[in-house]
Amino acid sequence: MAKAYEAGLNQRVVVIEFDSVAQATAAHDGAAYQAALKVLGSGSVERDMRIIEGVA
């Protein structure tokens, strides 16, 4: 179960861990992810993606 507070939306959340912010950014900007976005189409879903630095 999940709860959303403030202006949050109670929707599916996926967390993917990378070794660094640079690696996460490179994965997003890379050819494979960009090709996947083209296949999915620009109007297929609304995405809200955030890359944040974790706390050790």
N, C-alpha and C. Protein backbone atom coordinates (compact mmCIF):
# COMPACT_ATOMS: atom_id res chain seq x y z
N MET A 1 0.85 -1.18 0.00
CA MET A 1 0.00 0.00 0.00
C MET A 1 0.89 1.24 0.00
N ALA A 2 0.43 2.28 -0.66
CA ALA A 2 1.16 3.54 -0.71
C ALA A 2 0.21 4.68 -0.39
N LYS A 3 0.75 5.75 0.16
CA LYS A 3 -0.02 6.96 0.43
C LYS A 3 0.70 8.13 -0.17
N ALA A 4 -0.05 9.01 -0.76
CA ALA A 4 0.52 10.23 -1.33
C ALA A 4 0.10 11.41 -0.47
N TYR A 5 1.03 12.29 -0.19
CA TYR A 5 0.76 13.48 0.61
C TYR A 5 1.13 14.73 -0.18
N GLU A 6 0.63 15.85 0.30
CA GLU A 6 0.88 17.15 -0.33
C GLU A 6 0.37 17.11 -1.76
N ALA A 7 1.20 17.43 -2.74
CA ALA A 7 0.76 17.44 -4.14
C ALA A 7 1.12 16.15 -4.86
N GLY A 8 1.52 15.13 -4.12
CA GLY A 8 1.93 13.87 -4.72
C GLY A 8 0.77 13.12 -5.35
N LEU A 9 1.09 12.33 -6.34
CA LEU A 9 0.10 11.50 -7.00
C LEU A 9 0.32 10.06 -6.56
N ASN A 10 -0.74 9.38 -6.25
CA ASN A 10 -0.64 7.99 -5.82
C ASN A 10 -0.68 7.10 -7.05
N GLN A 11 0.46 6.95 -7.67
CA GLN A 11 0.60 6.14 -8.87
C GLN A 11 1.80 5.23 -8.71
N ARG A 12 2.03 4.43 -9.73
CA ARG A 12 3.15 3.49 -9.68
C ARG A 12 4.47 4.25 -9.62
N VAL A 13 5.37 3.75 -8.80
CA VAL A 13 6.70 4.32 -8.67
C VAL A 13 7.72 3.22 -8.90
N VAL A 14 8.72 3.51 -9.72
CA VAL A 14 9.79 2.56 -9.99
C VAL A 14 11.09 3.23 -9.57
N VAL A 15 11.89 2.55 -8.77
CA VAL A 15 13.18 3.07 -8.33
C VAL A 15 14.26 2.18 -8.92
N ILE A 16 15.20 2.82 -9.61
CA ILE A 16 16.34 2.10 -10.17
C ILE A 16 17.60 2.73 -9.60
N GLU A 17 18.48 1.89 -9.07
CA GLU A 17 19.71 2.38 -8.44
C GLU A 17 20.88 2.26 -9.42
N PHE A 18 21.61 3.35 -9.55
CA PHE A 18 22.84 3.38 -10.33
C PHE A 18 24.00 3.69 -9.39
N ASP A 19 25.22 3.42 -9.82
CA ASP A 19 26.39 3.69 -8.99
C ASP A 19 26.65 5.18 -8.83
N SER A 20 26.15 6.01 -9.77
CA SER A 20 26.38 7.45 -9.69
C SER A 20 25.30 8.19 -10.48
N VAL A 21 25.18 9.47 -10.20
CA VAL A 21 24.27 10.33 -10.95
C VAL A 21 24.71 10.37 -12.41
N ALA A 22 26.00 10.39 -12.64
CA ALA A 22 26.52 10.43 -14.01
C ALA A 22 26.08 9.19 -14.80
N GLN A 23 26.11 8.02 -14.17
CA GLN A 23 25.69 6.80 -14.85
C GLN A 23 24.18 6.82 -15.14
N ALA A 24 23.41 7.33 -14.21
CA ALA A 24 21.96 7.43 -14.42
C ALA A 24 21.66 8.39 -15.57
N THR A 25 22.33 9.51 -15.59
CA THR A 25 22.14 10.48 -16.66
C THR A 25 22.55 9.90 -18.00
N ALA A 26 23.66 9.18 -18.02
CA ALA A 26 24.13 8.56 -19.26
C ALA A 26 23.14 7.51 -19.75
N ALA A 27 22.51 6.77 -18.86
CA ALA A 27 21.52 5.78 -19.26
C ALA A 27 20.30 6.47 -19.88
N HIS A 28 19.87 7.55 -19.28
CA HIS A 28 18.73 8.30 -19.82
C HIS A 28 19.06 8.90 -21.18
N ASP A 29 20.23 9.47 -21.31
CA ASP A 29 20.61 10.17 -22.53
C ASP A 29 21.14 9.23 -23.61
N GLY A 30 21.36 7.97 -23.26
CA GLY A 30 21.96 7.01 -24.18
C GLY A 30 21.05 6.62 -25.33
N ALA A 31 21.66 6.05 -26.34
CA ALA A 31 20.96 5.68 -27.57
C ALA A 31 19.85 4.66 -27.32
N ALA A 32 20.07 3.70 -26.45
CA ALA A 32 19.08 2.64 -26.22
C ALA A 32 17.80 3.21 -25.61
N TYR A 33 17.91 4.06 -24.61
CA TYR A 33 16.72 4.64 -23.99
C TYR A 33 16.01 5.59 -24.95
N GLN A 34 16.78 6.38 -25.66
CA GLN A 34 16.17 7.30 -26.62
C GLN A 34 15.45 6.55 -27.73
N ALA A 35 15.98 5.41 -28.16
CA ALA A 35 15.31 4.59 -29.17
C ALA A 35 14.01 4.01 -28.61
N ALA A 36 14.03 3.59 -27.35
CA ALA A 36 12.83 3.06 -26.71
C ALA A 36 11.75 4.13 -26.64
N LEU A 37 12.13 5.36 -26.35
CA LEU A 37 11.15 6.46 -26.30
C LEU A 37 10.49 6.66 -27.67
N LYS A 38 11.27 6.54 -28.73
CA LYS A 38 10.71 6.70 -30.07
C LYS A 38 9.70 5.59 -30.37
N VAL A 39 9.99 4.37 -29.93
CA VAL A 39 9.07 3.25 -30.15
C VAL A 39 7.77 3.47 -29.37
N LEU A 40 7.89 3.95 -28.14
CA LEU A 40 6.72 4.18 -27.30
C LEU A 40 5.86 5.32 -27.81
N GLY A 41 6.45 6.28 -28.48
CA GLY A 41 5.72 7.44 -28.97
C GLY A 41 5.62 8.53 -27.94
N SER A 42 5.47 9.74 -28.40
CA SER A 42 5.49 10.88 -27.49
C SER A 42 4.20 11.04 -26.69
N GLY A 43 3.07 10.54 -27.17
CA GLY A 43 1.82 10.74 -26.46
C GLY A 43 1.29 9.51 -25.77
N SER A 44 2.10 8.45 -25.66
CA SER A 44 1.59 7.19 -25.11
C SER A 44 1.37 7.23 -23.60
N VAL A 45 2.27 7.85 -22.87
CA VAL A 45 2.13 7.96 -21.41
C VAL A 45 2.74 9.28 -20.96
N GLU A 46 2.39 9.69 -19.76
CA GLU A 46 3.01 10.86 -19.15
C GLU A 46 4.08 10.36 -18.19
N ARG A 47 5.30 10.82 -18.39
CA ARG A 47 6.42 10.38 -17.55
C ARG A 47 6.86 11.48 -16.61
N ASP A 48 7.23 11.11 -15.42
CA ASP A 48 7.79 12.04 -14.44
C ASP A 48 9.04 11.36 -13.91
N MET A 49 10.17 11.71 -14.48
CA MET A 49 11.43 11.05 -14.13
C MET A 49 12.31 12.01 -13.34
N ARG A 50 12.94 11.49 -12.32
CA ARG A 50 13.86 12.30 -11.51
C ARG A 50 15.13 11.51 -11.26
N ILE A 51 16.24 12.15 -11.41
CA ILE A 51 17.53 11.55 -11.07
C ILE A 51 18.03 12.31 -9.86
N ILE A 52 18.21 11.60 -8.78
CA ILE A 52 18.64 12.25 -7.54
C ILE A 52 19.84 11.52 -6.96
N GLU A 53 20.64 12.23 -6.22
CA GLU A 53 21.79 11.63 -5.57
C GLU A 53 21.32 11.00 -4.27
N GLY A 54 21.71 9.76 -4.05
CA GLY A 54 21.29 9.05 -2.84
C GLY A 54 22.12 9.42 -1.64
N VAL A 55 21.70 8.95 -0.51
CA VAL A 55 22.40 9.17 0.74
C VAL A 55 23.06 7.86 1.15
N ALA A 56 24.32 7.93 1.43
CA ALA A 56 25.05 6.72 1.81
C ALA A 56 24.93 6.44 3.28
